[in-house]
Amino acid sequence: MTTAAPGGDPLADKIARLVEDKGWNQEDFARFTRLNRHTVRQILLGGPKRRLRNATVSQCANALGLSVNELRTLPLEQLLRR
């Protein structure tokens, strides 16, 4: 399904895991975040190792039902239990 490349951006890896946990594919996530499909693909599949922009992180957090602070600071295990 959607798995980020190991060793990539830790935040992108966390987002990819949360998206996978929700059972969303790339198209679903692009629709929920209103992000470009290319951007979503880079996040979920570990494309070029660029830092995510704040607006992108905010859109991802909103789609996942989290605040930006929760997404950035809480451990993945705690977020998966929600």
C-alpha atoms as a PDB file:
ATOM      1  CA  MET A   1       0.000   0.000   0.000  1.00  0.00           C
ATOM      2  CA  THR A   2       1.658   3.264   1.109  1.00  0.00           C
ATOM      3  CA  THR A   3       4.999   2.873   2.761  1.00  0.00           C
ATOM      4  CA  ALA A   4       7.656   5.511   2.945  1.00  0.00           C
ATOM      5  CA  ALA A   5      11.232   4.669   2.159  1.00  0.00           C
ATOM      6  CA  PRO A   6      13.159   3.984   5.351  1.00  0.00           C
ATOM      7  CA  GLY A   7      15.685   6.656   6.254  1.00  0.00           C
ATOM      8  CA  GLY A   8      13.642   9.467   4.732  1.00  0.00           C
ATOM      9  CA  ASP A   9      12.152  12.475   6.465  1.00  0.00           C
ATOM     10  CA  PRO A  10      10.917  11.232   9.869  1.00  0.00           C
ATOM     11  CA  LEU A  11       7.811  13.457   9.681  1.00  0.00           C
ATOM     12  CA  ALA A  12       6.957  12.201   6.181  1.00  0.00           C
ATOM     13  CA  ASP A  13       7.484   8.627   7.404  1.00  0.00           C
ATOM     14  CA  LYS A  14       5.111   9.294  10.316  1.00  0.00           C
ATOM     15  CA  ILE A  15       2.478  10.770   7.983  1.00  0.00           C
ATOM     16  CA  ALA A  16       2.806   7.826   5.600  1.00  0.00           C
ATOM     17  CA  ARG A  17       2.271   5.365   8.469  1.00  0.00           C
ATOM     18  CA  LEU A  18      -0.805   7.239   9.722  1.00  0.00           C
ATOM     19  CA  VAL A  19      -2.257   7.334   6.214  1.00  0.00           C
ATOM     20  CA  GLU A  20      -1.645   3.593   5.862  1.00  0.00           C
ATOM     21  CA  ASP A  21      -3.316   2.988   9.227  1.00  0.00           C
ATOM     22  CA  LYS A  22      -6.444   4.804   7.979  1.00  0.00           C
ATOM     23  CA  GLY A  23      -6.501   2.593   4.888  1.00  0.00           C
ATOM     24  CA  TRP A  24      -6.209   5.534   2.512  1.00  0.00           C
ATOM     25  CA  ASN A  25      -4.472   5.340  -0.833  1.00  0.00           C
ATOM     26  CA  GLN A  26      -2.614   8.207  -2.513  1.00  0.00           C
ATOM     27  CA  GLU A  27      -5.732   9.516  -4.249  1.00  0.00           C
ATOM     28  CA  ASP A  28      -7.748   9.486  -1.014  1.00  0.00           C
ATOM     29  CA  PHE A  29      -5.023  11.348   0.853  1.00  0.00           C
ATOM     30  CA  ALA A  30      -4.611  13.893  -1.955  1.00  0.00           C
ATOM     31  CA  ARG A  31      -8.346  14.539  -1.907  1.00  0.00           C
ATOM     32  CA  PHE A  32      -8.567  14.872   1.889  1.00  0.00           C
ATOM     33  CA  THR A  33      -5.521  17.161   2.098  1.00  0.00           C
ATOM     34  CA  ARG A  34      -6.204  19.067  -1.138  1.00  0.00           C
ATOM     35  CA  LEU A  35      -2.540  18.588  -1.972  1.00  0.00           C
ATOM     36  CA  ASN A  36      -1.137  17.950  -5.420  1.00  0.00           C
ATOM     37  CA  ARG A  37      -0.868  14.233  -6.177  1.00  0.00           C
ATOM     38  CA  HIS A  38       2.863  14.607  -6.852  1.00  0.00           C
ATOM     39  CA  THR A  39       3.372  16.104  -3.384  1.00  0.00           C
ATOM     40  CA  VAL A  40       1.357  13.290  -1.810  1.00  0.00           C
ATOM     41  CA  ARG A  41       3.378  10.717  -3.720  1.00  0.00           C
ATOM     42  CA  GLN A  42       6.643  12.227  -2.451  1.00  0.00           C
ATOM     43  CA  ILE A  43       5.364  12.148   1.134  1.00  0.00           C
ATOM     44  CA  LEU A  44       4.009   8.611   0.989  1.00  0.00           C
ATOM     45  CA  LEU A  45       6.698   6.964  -1.121  1.00  0.00           C
ATOM     46  CA  GLY A  46       9.747   8.841   0.077  1.00  0.00           C
ATOM     47  CA  GLY A  47      10.629  10.916  -2.974  1.00  0.00           C
ATOM     48  CA  PRO A  48      13.232  13.681  -2.941  1.00  0.00           C
ATOM     49  CA  LYS A  49      14.344  14.388   0.612  1.00  0.00           C
ATOM     50  CA  ARG A  50      13.064  17.936   0.938  1.00  0.00           C
ATOM     51  CA  ARG A  51      11.731  19.329   4.176  1.00  0.00           C
ATOM     52  CA  LEU A  52       7.940  19.566   4.220  1.00  0.00           C
ATOM     53  CA  ARG A  53       6.542  23.083   4.096  1.00  0.00           C
ATOM     54  CA  ASN A  54       4.487  24.286   7.059  1.00  0.00           C
ATOM     55  CA  ALA A  55       1.352  24.617   4.911  1.00  0.00           C
ATOM     56  CA  THR A  56       1.767  21.019   3.706  1.00  0.00           C
ATOM     57  CA  VAL A  57       2.210  19.732   7.261  1.00  0.00           C
ATOM     58  CA  SER A  58      -0.875  21.691   8.318  1.00  0.00           C
ATOM     59  CA  GLN A  59      -2.998  20.195   5.534  1.00  0.00           C
ATOM     60  CA  CYS A  60      -1.773  16.693   6.407  1.00  0.00           C
ATOM     61  CA  ALA A  61      -2.510  17.207  10.100  1.00  0.00           C
ATOM     62  CA  ASN A  62      -6.009  18.504   9.375  1.00  0.00           C
ATOM     63  CA  ALA A  63      -6.793  15.531   7.134  1.00  0.00           C
ATOM     64  CA  LEU A  64      -5.575  13.154   9.839  1.00  0.00           C
ATOM     65  CA  GLY A  65      -7.651  14.889  12.517  1.00  0.00           C
ATOM     66  CA  LEU A  66      -4.600  16.173  14.391  1.00  0.00           C
ATOM     67  CA  SER A  67      -3.075  19.506  15.254  1.00  0.00           C
ATOM     68  CA  VAL A  68       0.284  20.351  13.707  1.00  0.00           C
ATOM     69  CA  ASN A  69       1.828  20.204  17.178  1.00  0.00           C
ATOM     70  CA  GLU A  70       0.423  16.706  17.793  1.00  0.00           C
ATOM     71  CA  LEU A  71       1.646  15.487  14.411  1.00  0.00           C
ATOM     72  CA  ARG A  72       5.114  16.923  14.933  1.00  0.00           C
ATOM     73  CA  THR A  73       5.676  16.017  18.595  1.00  0.00           C
ATOM     74  CA  LEU A  74       3.653  12.965  19.639  1.00  0.00           C
ATOM     75  CA  PRO A  75       5.236   9.562  19.064  1.00  0.00           C
ATOM     76  CA  LEU A  76       3.757   7.488  16.256  1.00  0.00           C
ATOM     77  CA  GLU A  77       2.627   4.787  18.667  1.00  0.00           C
ATOM     78  CA  GLN A  78       0.503   7.295  20.577  1.00  0.00           C
ATOM     79  CA  LEU A  79      -1.028   8.655  17.369  1.00  0.00           C
ATOM     80  CA  LEU A  80      -1.883   5.170  16.106  1.00  0.00           C
ATOM     81  CA  ARG A  81      -3.904   4.464  19.255  1.00  0.00           C
ATOM     82  CA  ARG A  82      -6.285   7.360  18.523  1.00  0.00           C
END
